[in-house]
């Protein structure tokens, strides 16, 4: 399952990571778009006022 997720969802780098490093990379790849979206909403809300 880990290989499938890395090849399909996460464009994994060609680096050999530890298990913890692999999960940290997956988590960061999921969290980055969420954080960018929240930042856009925060800026939009400040500009609207």
PDB file of N, CA and C in Angstrom:
ATOM      1  N   UNK A   1       0.821  -1.191   0.000  1.00  0.00           N
ATOM      2  CA  UNK A   1       0.000   0.000   0.000  1.00  0.00           C
ATOM      3  C   UNK A   1       0.868   1.259   0.000  1.00  0.00           C
ATOM      4  N   UNK A   2       1.970   1.203   0.716  1.00  0.00           N
ATOM      5  CA  UNK A   2       2.872   2.349   0.760  1.00  0.00           C
ATOM      6  C   UNK A   2       3.421   2.666  -0.619  1.00  0.00           C
ATOM      7  N   UNK A   3       3.805   1.650  -1.362  1.00  0.00           N
ATOM      8  CA  UNK A   3       4.337   1.855  -2.710  1.00  0.00           C
ATOM      9  C   UNK A   3       3.257   2.416  -3.623  1.00  0.00           C
ATOM     10  N   UNK A   4       2.043   1.931  -3.492  1.00  0.00           N
ATOM     11  CA  UNK A   4       0.933   2.420  -4.318  1.00  0.00           C
ATOM     12  C   UNK A   4       0.649   3.882  -4.029  1.00  0.00           C
ATOM     13  N   UNK A   5       0.575   4.247  -2.754  1.00  0.00           N
ATOM     14  CA  UNK A   5       0.342   5.649  -2.408  1.00  0.00           C
ATOM     15  C   UNK A   5       1.455   6.547  -2.927  1.00  0.00           C
ATOM     16  N   UNK A   6       2.685   6.112  -2.771  1.00  0.00           N
ATOM     17  CA  UNK A   6       3.807   6.923  -3.231  1.00  0.00           C
ATOM     18  C   UNK A   6       3.808   7.097  -4.734  1.00  0.00           C
ATOM     19  N   UNK A   7       3.426   6.077  -5.474  1.00  0.00           N
ATOM     20  CA  UNK A   7       3.492   6.177  -6.925  1.00  0.00           C
ATOM     21  C   UNK A   7       2.288   6.900  -7.510  1.00  0.00           C
ATOM     22  N   UNK A   8       1.125   6.779  -6.895  1.00  0.00           N
ATOM     23  CA  UNK A   8      -0.090   7.360  -7.460  1.00  0.00           C
ATOM     24  C   UNK A   8      -0.363   8.744  -6.889  1.00  0.00           C
ATOM     25  N   UNK A   9      -0.408   8.868  -5.588  1.00  0.00           N
ATOM     26  CA  UNK A   9      -0.830  10.111  -4.952  1.00  0.00           C
ATOM     27  C   UNK A   9       0.333  11.050  -4.718  1.00  0.00           C
ATOM     28  N   UNK A  10       1.372  10.557  -4.111  1.00  0.00           N
ATOM     29  CA  UNK A  10       2.499  11.400  -3.726  1.00  0.00           C
ATOM     30  C   UNK A  10       3.620  11.203  -4.731  1.00  0.00           C
ATOM     31  N   UNK A  11       4.018  12.261  -5.374  1.00  0.00           N
ATOM     32  CA  UNK A  11       5.132  12.170  -6.314  1.00  0.00           C
ATOM     33  C   UNK A  11       6.418  12.041  -5.512  1.00  0.00           C
ATOM     34  N   UNK A  12       6.723  10.845  -5.086  1.00  0.00           N
ATOM     35  CA  UNK A  12       7.834  10.653  -4.160  1.00  0.00           C
ATOM     36  C   UNK A  12       9.164  10.924  -4.847  1.00  0.00           C
ATOM     37  N   UNK A  13      10.068  11.442  -4.064  1.00  0.00           N
ATOM     38  CA  UNK A  13      11.413  11.700  -4.555  1.00  0.00           C
ATOM     39  C   UNK A  13      12.168  10.377  -4.648  1.00  0.00           C
ATOM     40  N   UNK A  14      13.280  10.413  -5.319  1.00  0.00           N
ATOM     41  CA  UNK A  14      14.090   9.203  -5.458  1.00  0.00           C
ATOM     42  C   UNK A  14      15.075   9.060  -4.308  1.00  0.00           C
ATOM     43  N   UNK A  15      14.677   9.529  -3.144  1.00  0.00           N
ATOM     44  CA  UNK A  15      15.534   9.439  -1.971  1.00  0.00           C
ATOM     45  C   UNK A  15      15.111   8.248  -1.126  1.00  0.00           C
ATOM     46  N   UNK A  16      16.095   7.637  -0.495  1.00  0.00           N
ATOM     47  CA  UNK A  16      15.797   6.550   0.441  1.00  0.00           C
ATOM     48  C   UNK A  16      15.539   7.169   1.806  1.00  0.00           C
ATOM     49  N   UNK A  17      14.282   7.107   2.254  1.00  0.00           N
ATOM     50  CA  UNK A  17      13.908   7.690   3.532  1.00  0.00           C
ATOM     51  C   UNK A  17      13.625   6.595   4.542  1.00  0.00           C
ATOM     52  N   UNK A  18      13.753   6.963   5.802  1.00  0.00           N
ATOM     53  CA  UNK A  18      13.348   6.038   6.847  1.00  0.00           C
ATOM     54  C   UNK A  18      11.821   5.975   6.862  1.00  0.00           C
ATOM     55  N   UNK A  19      11.290   5.066   7.647  1.00  0.00           N
ATOM     56  CA  UNK A  19       9.838   4.934   7.741  1.00  0.00           C
ATOM     57  C   UNK A  19       9.219   6.228   8.257  1.00  0.00           C
ATOM     58  N   UNK A  20       9.826   6.793   9.301  1.00  0.00           N
ATOM     59  CA  UNK A  20       9.316   8.052   9.849  1.00  0.00           C
ATOM     60  C   UNK A  20       9.403   9.159   8.811  1.00  0.00           C
ATOM     61  N   UNK A  21      10.490   9.232   8.080  1.00  0.00           N
ATOM     62  CA  UNK A  21      10.653  10.245   7.044  1.00  0.00           C
ATOM     63  C   UNK A  21       9.622  10.107   5.939  1.00  0.00           C
ATOM     64  N   UNK A  22       9.288   8.887   5.581  1.00  0.00           N
ATOM     65  CA  UNK A  22       8.280   8.641   4.557  1.00  0.00           C
ATOM     66  C   UNK A  22       6.916   9.157   5.001  1.00  0.00           C
ATOM     67  N   UNK A  23       6.554   8.861   6.254  1.00  0.00           N
ATOM     68  CA  UNK A  23       5.252   9.319   6.753  1.00  0.00           C
ATOM     69  C   UNK A  23       5.217  10.830   6.935  1.00  0.00           C
ATOM     70  N   UNK A  24       6.337  11.418   7.341  1.00  0.00           N
ATOM     71  CA  UNK A  24       6.403  12.876   7.456  1.00  0.00           C
ATOM     72  C   UNK A  24       6.239  13.521   6.086  1.00  0.00           C
ATOM     73  N   UNK A  25       6.863  12.944   5.066  1.00  0.00           N
ATOM     74  CA  UNK A  25       6.729  13.482   3.712  1.00  0.00           C
ATOM     75  C   UNK A  25       5.291  13.373   3.224  1.00  0.00           C
ATOM     76  N   UNK A  26       4.634  12.239   3.478  1.00  0.00           N
ATOM     77  CA  UNK A  26       3.231  12.072   3.076  1.00  0.00           C
ATOM     78  C   UNK A  26       2.343  13.091   3.773  1.00  0.00           C
ATOM     79  N   UNK A  27       2.562  13.272   5.064  1.00  0.00           N
ATOM     80  CA  UNK A  27       1.753  14.217   5.834  1.00  0.00           C
ATOM     81  C   UNK A  27       1.947  15.634   5.334  1.00  0.00           C
ATOM     82  N   UNK A  28       3.176  16.004   5.044  1.00  0.00           N
ATOM     83  CA  UNK A  28       3.432  17.364   4.570  1.00  0.00           C
ATOM     84  C   UNK A  28       2.832  17.584   3.185  1.00  0.00           C
ATOM     85  N   UNK A  29       2.851  16.575   2.347  1.00  0.00           N
ATOM     86  CA  UNK A  29       2.246  16.731   1.019  1.00  0.00           C
ATOM     87  C   UNK A  29       0.735  16.859   1.094  1.00  0.00           C
ATOM     88  N   UNK A  30       0.120  16.260   2.110  1.00  0.00           N
ATOM     89  CA  UNK A  30      -1.314  16.424   2.298  1.00  0.00           C
ATOM     90  C   UNK A  30      -1.643  17.763   2.950  1.00  0.00           C
ATOM     91  N   UNK A  31      -0.801  18.221   3.859  1.00  0.00           N
ATOM     92  CA  UNK A  31      -1.086  19.436   4.628  1.00  0.00           C
ATOM     93  C   UNK A  31      -0.796  20.709   3.841  1.00  0.00           C
ATOM     94  N   UNK A  32       0.144  20.679   2.918  1.00  0.00           N
ATOM     95  CA  UNK A  32       0.521  21.894   2.189  1.00  0.00           C
ATOM     96  C   UNK A  32      -0.646  22.530   1.444  1.00  0.00           C
ATOM     97  N   UNK A  33      -1.427  21.801   0.647  1.00  0.00           N
ATOM     98  CA  UNK A  33      -2.554  22.448  -0.043  1.00  0.00           C
ATOM     99  C   UNK A  33      -3.601  22.997   0.920  1.00  0.00           C
ATOM    100  N   UNK A  34      -3.799  22.313   2.033  1.00  0.00           N
ATOM    101  CA  UNK A  34      -4.765  22.794   3.021  1.00  0.00           C
ATOM    102  C   UNK A  34      -4.298  24.120   3.611  1.00  0.00           C
ATOM    103  N   UNK A  35      -3.028  24.206   3.962  1.00  0.00           N
ATOM    104  CA  UNK A  35      -2.490  25.435   4.538  1.00  0.00           C
ATOM    105  C   UNK A  35      -2.503  26.581   3.537  1.00  0.00           C
ATOM    106  N   UNK A  36      -2.209  26.297   2.283  1.00  0.00           N
ATOM    107  CA  UNK A  36      -2.256  27.341   1.255  1.00  0.00           C
ATOM    108  C   UNK A  36      -3.686  27.834   1.084  1.00  0.00           C
ATOM    109  N   UNK A  37      -4.638  26.932   1.075  1.00  0.00           N
ATOM    110  CA  UNK A  37      -6.041  27.323   0.957  1.00  0.00           C
ATOM    111  C   UNK A  37      -6.493  28.178   2.125  1.00  0.00           C
ATOM    112  N   UNK A  38      -6.080  27.822   3.328  1.00  0.00           N
ATOM    113  CA  UNK A  38      -6.430  28.626   4.495  1.00  0.00           C
ATOM    114  C   UNK A  38      -5.788  30.011   4.434  1.00  0.00           C
ATOM    115  N   UNK A  39      -4.573  30.078   3.942  1.00  0.00           N
ATOM    116  CA  UNK A  39      -3.906  31.379   3.802  1.00  0.00           C
ATOM    117  C   UNK A  39      -4.630  32.256   2.797  1.00  0.00           C
ATOM    118  N   UNK A  40      -5.068  31.664   1.690  1.00  0.00           N
ATOM    119  CA  UNK A  40      -5.814  32.426   0.679  1.00  0.00           C
ATOM    120  C   UNK A  40      -7.123  32.937   1.266  1.00  0.00           C
ATOM    121  N   UNK A  41      -7.815  32.112   2.008  1.00  0.00           N
ATOM    122  CA  UNK A  41      -9.065  32.545   2.632  1.00  0.00           C
ATOM    123  C   UNK A  41      -8.825  33.653   3.657  1.00  0.00           C
ATOM    124  N   UNK A  42      -7.742  33.565   4.411  1.00  0.00           N
ATOM    125  CA  UNK A  42      -7.436  34.597   5.402  1.00  0.00           C
ATOM    126  C   UNK A  42      -7.141  35.930   4.728  1.00  0.00           C
ATOM    127  N   UNK A  43      -6.370  35.900   3.650  1.00  0.00           N
ATOM    128  CA  UNK A  43      -6.063  37.137   2.927  1.00  0.00           C
ATOM    129  C   UNK A  43      -7.326  37.697   2.301  1.00  0.00           C
ATOM    130  N   UNK A  44      -8.142  36.845   1.735  1.00  0.00           N
ATOM    131  CA  UNK A  44      -9.390  37.289   1.115  1.00  0.00           C
ATOM    132  C   UNK A  44     -10.313  37.944   2.144  1.00  0.00           C
ATOM    133  N   UNK A  45     -10.369  37.364   3.328  1.00  0.00           N
ATOM    134  CA  UNK A  45     -11.212  37.922   4.382  1.00  0.00           C
ATOM    135  C   UNK A  45     -10.685  39.267   4.846  1.00  0.00           C
ATOM    136  N   UNK A  46      -9.373  39.440   4.918  1.00  0.00           N
ATOM    137  CA  UNK A  46      -8.814  40.722   5.335  1.00  0.00           C
ATOM    138  C   UNK A  46      -9.032  41.796   4.278  1.00  0.00           C
ATOM    139  N   UNK A  47      -8.993  41.437   3.010  1.00  0.00           N
ATOM    140  CA  UNK A  47      -9.168  42.405   1.935  1.00  0.00           C
ATOM    141  C   UNK A  47     -10.634  42.825   1.842  1.00  0.00           C
ATOM    142  N   UNK A  48     -11.548  41.907   2.126  1.00  0.00           N
ATOM    143  CA  UNK A  48     -12.985  42.207   2.044  1.00  0.00           C
ATOM    144  C   UNK A  48     -13.413  43.266   3.051  1.00  0.00           C
ATOM    145  N   UNK A  49     -12.766  43.315   4.199  1.00  0.00           N
ATOM    146  CA  UNK A  49     -13.186  44.252   5.254  1.00  0.00           C
ATOM    147  C   UNK A  49     -12.904  45.667   4.908  1.00  0.00           C
TER     148      UNK A  49
END
